[in-house]
N, C-alpha and C. Protein backbone atom coordinates (compact mmCIF):
# COMPACT_ATOMS: atom_id res chain seq x y z
N MET A 1 13.51 68.80 -27.87
CA MET A 1 14.10 70.32 -27.32
C MET A 1 15.55 70.28 -27.43
N LEU A 2 15.71 71.72 -27.49
CA LEU A 2 17.17 71.87 -27.82
C LEU A 2 17.59 72.72 -26.86
N ILE A 3 18.77 72.07 -26.23
CA ILE A 3 19.33 72.84 -24.95
C ILE A 3 21.27 72.97 -25.77
N ALA A 4 21.58 73.87 -25.24
CA ALA A 4 22.58 74.67 -25.39
C ALA A 4 23.31 74.63 -23.66
N THR A 5 24.47 73.62 -24.77
CA THR A 5 25.45 73.68 -23.56
C THR A 5 26.99 74.79 -23.66
N GLN A 6 27.33 75.08 -22.76
CA GLN A 6 28.54 76.00 -22.91
C GLN A 6 29.43 75.00 -23.51
N PRO A 7 30.91 74.74 -24.14
CA PRO A 7 31.98 74.50 -24.69
C PRO A 7 32.72 73.25 -23.69
N ASP A 8 33.00 73.90 -23.16
CA ASP A 8 34.57 73.54 -22.28
C ASP A 8 33.57 73.19 -20.01
N TRP A 9 32.03 73.12 -20.62
CA TRP A 9 31.62 72.79 -19.07
C TRP A 9 32.91 71.84 -18.13
N GLN A 10 33.21 71.11 -18.96
CA GLN A 10 33.47 69.97 -17.58
C GLN A 10 35.02 70.37 -17.54
N ALA A 11 35.23 71.16 -18.67
CA ALA A 11 37.05 71.78 -17.68
C ALA A 11 36.43 73.34 -16.63
N GLN A 12 35.42 73.13 -16.69
CA GLN A 12 34.72 74.72 -16.14
C GLN A 12 34.58 73.36 -14.85
N LEU A 13 34.47 72.19 -14.80
CA LEU A 13 33.97 71.80 -13.36
C LEU A 13 35.60 71.24 -12.90
N ALA A 14 36.07 71.14 -13.60
CA ALA A 14 37.63 70.25 -12.62
C ALA A 14 38.42 71.37 -12.00
N THR A 15 37.77 72.91 -12.77
CA THR A 15 38.70 73.64 -12.02
C THR A 15 37.69 74.72 -10.74
N ASP A 16 36.42 73.97 -10.75
CA ASP A 16 35.72 74.98 -9.70
C ASP A 16 36.20 73.98 -8.28
N LEU A 17 36.92 74.44 -7.73
CA LEU A 17 37.22 73.97 -6.31
C LEU A 17 36.51 73.53 -5.21
N ALA A 18 35.18 73.82 -5.59
CA ALA A 18 34.02 73.28 -4.60
C ALA A 18 33.40 72.43 -5.07
N TYR A 19 33.62 72.85 -6.70
CA TYR A 19 32.38 71.14 -7.09
C TYR A 19 34.31 69.56 -6.69
N GLN A 20 34.83 70.45 -6.61
CA GLN A 20 36.15 69.28 -6.40
C GLN A 20 35.96 68.67 -4.59
N ALA A 21 35.71 69.74 -3.91
CA ALA A 21 35.42 69.11 -2.47
C ALA A 21 33.77 68.21 -2.52
N TRP A 22 33.19 69.32 -3.10
CA TRP A 22 31.54 67.63 -3.46
C TRP A 22 31.93 66.39 -3.42
N ARG A 23 32.88 66.49 -4.68
CA ARG A 23 33.42 65.30 -5.43
C ARG A 23 33.47 64.69 -5.01
N ASP A 24 34.87 64.84 -3.83
CA ASP A 24 36.02 64.26 -3.33
C ASP A 24 35.24 63.23 -2.05
N ALA A 25 34.15 64.11 -1.76
CA ALA A 25 33.08 64.09 -0.23
C ALA A 25 32.26 62.67 -0.47
N ASP A 26 31.77 63.16 -1.73
CA ASP A 26 30.88 61.97 -2.94
C ASP A 26 31.81 60.75 -1.98
N GLU A 27 32.78 60.63 -2.88
CA GLU A 27 33.59 59.85 -3.16
C GLU A 27 34.05 59.44 -1.92
N GLN A 28 34.76 59.92 -1.05
CA GLN A 28 34.63 59.47 0.04
C GLN A 28 33.57 58.45 0.81
N ALA A 29 32.53 58.76 0.27
CA ALA A 29 30.81 58.64 1.55
C ALA A 29 30.43 57.11 0.90
N TYR A 30 31.43 57.15 -0.38
CA TYR A 30 30.71 55.91 -1.43
C TYR A 30 32.21 54.83 -0.85
N PHE A 31 32.75 55.11 -0.82
CA PHE A 31 33.68 54.49 -1.07
C PHE A 31 33.29 53.29 1.01
N ASP A 32 33.42 54.55 2.37
CA ASP A 32 33.23 54.20 3.65
C ASP A 32 32.10 53.00 3.73
N THR A 33 31.08 53.56 2.09
CA THR A 33 29.90 52.67 2.29
C THR A 33 29.46 51.44 1.38
N LEU A 34 31.18 51.12 0.71
CA LEU A 34 31.60 50.17 0.10
C LEU A 34 32.04 49.29 0.91
N ALA A 35 33.11 49.99 2.26
CA ALA A 35 33.75 49.28 3.32
C ALA A 35 33.09 48.49 4.43
N LYS A 36 32.19 49.19 4.77
CA LYS A 36 30.86 48.99 5.60
C LYS A 36 30.34 47.04 5.38
N THR A 37 30.12 47.45 4.10
CA THR A 37 29.88 46.75 3.42
C THR A 37 30.33 45.56 3.24
N GLU A 38 31.27 45.80 2.85
CA GLU A 38 31.92 44.31 2.79
C GLU A 38 32.46 43.92 4.04
N GLU A 39 32.69 44.81 4.89
CA GLU A 39 32.90 43.98 6.34
C GLU A 39 31.62 43.42 7.11
N ALA A 40 30.41 44.03 6.43
CA ALA A 40 29.31 43.39 7.32
C ALA A 40 29.49 41.72 6.85
N ARG A 41 29.90 41.72 5.10
CA ARG A 41 30.27 40.98 4.35
C ARG A 41 30.48 39.26 5.35
N ARG A 42 31.64 40.42 5.34
CA ARG A 42 33.27 39.16 6.39
C ARG A 42 33.01 38.64 7.31
N TYR A 43 33.04 39.68 8.04
CA TYR A 43 32.48 39.21 9.64
C TYR A 43 31.04 39.32 9.85
N PRO A 44 30.59 38.39 9.89
CA PRO A 44 29.05 38.90 9.85
C PRO A 44 28.70 39.12 11.47
N TYR A 45 29.57 38.57 12.97
CA TYR A 45 29.77 38.14 13.60
C TYR A 45 30.43 39.06 14.43
N GLY A 46 31.17 39.90 13.85
CA GLY A 46 31.71 40.93 14.23
C GLY A 46 33.36 40.18 13.92
N ARG A 47 34.99 40.71 14.09
CA ARG A 47 35.94 40.76 13.65
C ARG A 47 36.43 39.96 14.57
N PRO A 48 37.82 38.66 14.35
CA PRO A 48 38.33 37.79 14.95
C PRO A 48 39.21 38.33 16.58
N GLU A 49 39.45 39.74 16.01
CA GLU A 49 40.10 40.22 17.86
C GLU A 49 38.84 40.96 18.19
N GLN A 50 37.57 40.92 18.04
CA GLN A 50 36.91 40.79 19.11
C GLN A 50 36.09 40.10 19.05
N ASP A 51 36.89 38.56 19.26
CA ASP A 51 36.05 37.67 19.90
C ASP A 51 36.31 37.89 21.39
N THR A 52 35.14 37.09 22.30
CA THR A 52 35.88 37.67 23.57
C THR A 52 36.18 36.14 23.92
N GLY A 53 35.89 34.70 23.12
CA GLY A 53 36.07 33.81 23.58
C GLY A 53 34.83 32.74 23.90
N TRP A 54 33.16 33.84 23.97
CA TRP A 54 32.33 33.31 25.14
C TRP A 54 31.76 32.36 23.75
N CYS A 55 30.87 30.83 24.12
CA CYS A 55 30.71 30.25 23.07
C CYS A 55 28.75 29.76 23.84
N TRP A 56 28.31 29.32 22.97
CA TRP A 56 27.38 28.97 23.45
C TRP A 56 27.50 27.01 23.45
N GLU A 57 26.38 26.83 24.73
CA GLU A 57 26.61 25.23 25.06
C GLU A 57 26.02 24.58 24.85
N THR A 58 25.71 23.79 24.76
CA THR A 58 23.88 22.90 25.02
C THR A 58 23.90 21.94 26.22
N PRO A 59 23.06 23.12 27.23
CA PRO A 59 23.58 22.32 28.43
C PRO A 59 22.33 20.56 29.06
N THR A 60 23.82 20.22 29.54
CA THR A 60 23.92 18.56 29.73
C THR A 60 22.74 17.84 30.88
N ARG A 61 21.54 19.49 31.54
CA ARG A 61 20.59 18.79 31.56
C ARG A 61 21.06 18.12 33.37
N GLY A 62 22.02 18.14 33.86
CA GLY A 62 22.20 17.01 34.97
C GLY A 62 22.85 15.50 34.51
N ASN A 63 23.51 15.21 32.84
CA ASN A 63 23.95 14.47 32.86
C ASN A 63 25.69 14.68 32.90
N VAL A 64 26.21 15.34 34.01
CA VAL A 64 27.76 14.89 33.42
C VAL A 64 28.49 13.96 33.93
N PRO A 65 29.15 13.99 32.85
CA PRO A 65 29.91 12.86 33.02
C PRO A 65 31.13 12.34 34.09
């Protein structure tokens, strides 16, 4: 199958303001996804400044020293 393309199709896309806005929004959404993934990887239990100081302790079951 032979497909004919316009000679300067990339230049036409580069000057199209609607395409630029779409590309910028799509790129920003991708970067936001990467940032959320990295945040979840680095801080699986939340950021340190969000720490309330609570921790789990093993109950002593009446054997208090």
